[in-house]
C-alpha cells in the first residue's frame, strides 16, 4: 500500500493539533501487529497500539520534529 504525500500531511496536521492519531490499515500486505512490531524494532523505536487493523499513536509528548520522524517511519513501513 502506497502512502500519498497528502495522507502524510493529513497525519502531520492531526498529530500537530491533537493527542492521538489513528491510522486504519486497508489493502496492505502487513497486519496491524506487523506494523506495530516494525515500528518498535526500527530506529528510532516507536511504541504504538494496534487493534482491529488500526494503529494508534499517542503523540502527546512528541516534539514537532519527532512528528516528522513518525510520519516517515510509517511511510517506510507501509510503502
Protein backbone atom coordinates (compact mmCIF):
# COMPACT_ATOMS: atom_id res chain seq x y z
CA UNK A 1 0.00 0.00 0.00
CA UNK A 2 1.48 3.32 -1.01
CA UNK A 3 1.00 6.32 1.24
CA UNK A 4 0.49 9.59 -0.60
CA UNK A 5 2.09 12.87 0.36
CA UNK A 6 -1.40 14.20 1.02
CA UNK A 7 -2.08 11.42 3.52
CA UNK A 8 1.20 12.14 5.32
CA UNK A 9 0.34 15.85 5.50
CA UNK A 10 -3.03 14.85 6.96
CA UNK A 11 -1.35 12.69 9.59
CA UNK A 12 1.04 15.54 10.39
CA UNK A 13 -1.84 18.00 10.82
CA UNK A 14 -3.76 15.67 13.12
CA UNK A 15 -0.65 14.92 15.16
CA UNK A 16 0.19 18.60 15.47
CA UNK A 17 -3.23 19.60 16.86
CA UNK A 18 -4.49 16.51 18.68
CA UNK A 19 -3.12 13.99 21.21
CA UNK A 20 -3.61 10.77 19.25
CA UNK A 21 -3.69 9.74 15.66
CA UNK A 22 -5.13 6.50 14.36
CA UNK A 23 -4.26 5.00 11.01
CA UNK A 24 -6.71 2.47 9.61
CA UNK A 25 -4.87 -0.12 7.54
CA UNK A 26 -6.62 -1.18 4.36
CA UNK A 27 -5.37 -3.31 1.50
CA UNK A 28 -1.91 -3.60 2.95
CA UNK A 29 0.48 -6.52 2.94
CA UNK A 30 1.02 -6.10 6.69
CA UNK A 31 -1.28 -6.67 9.63
CA UNK A 32 -1.58 -4.03 12.34
CA UNK A 33 0.56 -6.24 14.59
CA UNK A 34 3.27 -6.42 11.93
CA UNK A 35 3.23 -2.63 11.55
CA UNK A 36 3.44 -2.26 15.35
CA UNK A 37 6.35 -4.71 15.54
CA UNK A 38 8.17 -2.97 12.68
CA UNK A 39 7.80 0.43 14.32
CA UNK A 40 9.05 -0.93 17.65
CA UNK A 41 12.02 -2.68 16.02
CA UNK A 42 13.06 0.38 13.99
CA UNK A 43 15.44 3.22 14.73
CA UNK A 44 14.09 5.12 16.49
CA UNK A 45 11.83 2.57 18.16
CA UNK A 46 8.22 3.73 18.19
CA UNK A 47 5.68 2.23 20.57
CA UNK A 48 2.15 2.21 19.15
CA UNK A 49 -1.10 0.45 19.97
CA UNK A 50 -2.84 -1.76 17.45
CA UNK A 51 -6.24 -3.39 17.29
CA UNK A 52 -8.81 -4.25 14.64
CA UNK A 53 -6.48 -3.35 11.77
CA UNK A 54 -5.90 0.12 13.24
CA UNK A 55 -2.64 1.54 14.54
CA UNK A 56 -2.94 4.29 17.17
CA UNK A 57 -0.05 6.58 18.01
CA UNK A 58 -0.09 8.64 21.21
CA UNK A 59 1.66 11.85 20.27
CA UNK A 60 1.05 13.99 23.35
CA UNK A 61 4.72 14.06 24.32
CA UNK A 62 6.27 14.36 20.86
CA UNK A 63 8.18 17.42 19.77
CA UNK A 64 7.36 18.88 16.31
CA UNK A 65 10.47 17.40 14.69
CA UNK A 66 9.60 13.98 16.13
CA UNK A 67 6.21 14.07 14.39
CA UNK A 68 8.05 14.06 11.06
CA UNK A 69 10.05 11.00 12.18
CA UNK A 70 6.82 9.14 12.95
CA UNK A 71 5.33 10.07 9.58
CA UNK A 72 8.46 8.95 7.72
CA UNK A 73 8.65 5.64 9.61
CA UNK A 74 5.00 4.91 8.80
CA UNK A 75 5.61 5.66 5.17
CA UNK A 76 8.69 3.41 5.07
CA UNK A 77 6.77 0.50 6.53
CA UNK A 78 3.57 0.92 4.51
CA UNK A 79 5.23 1.54 1.13
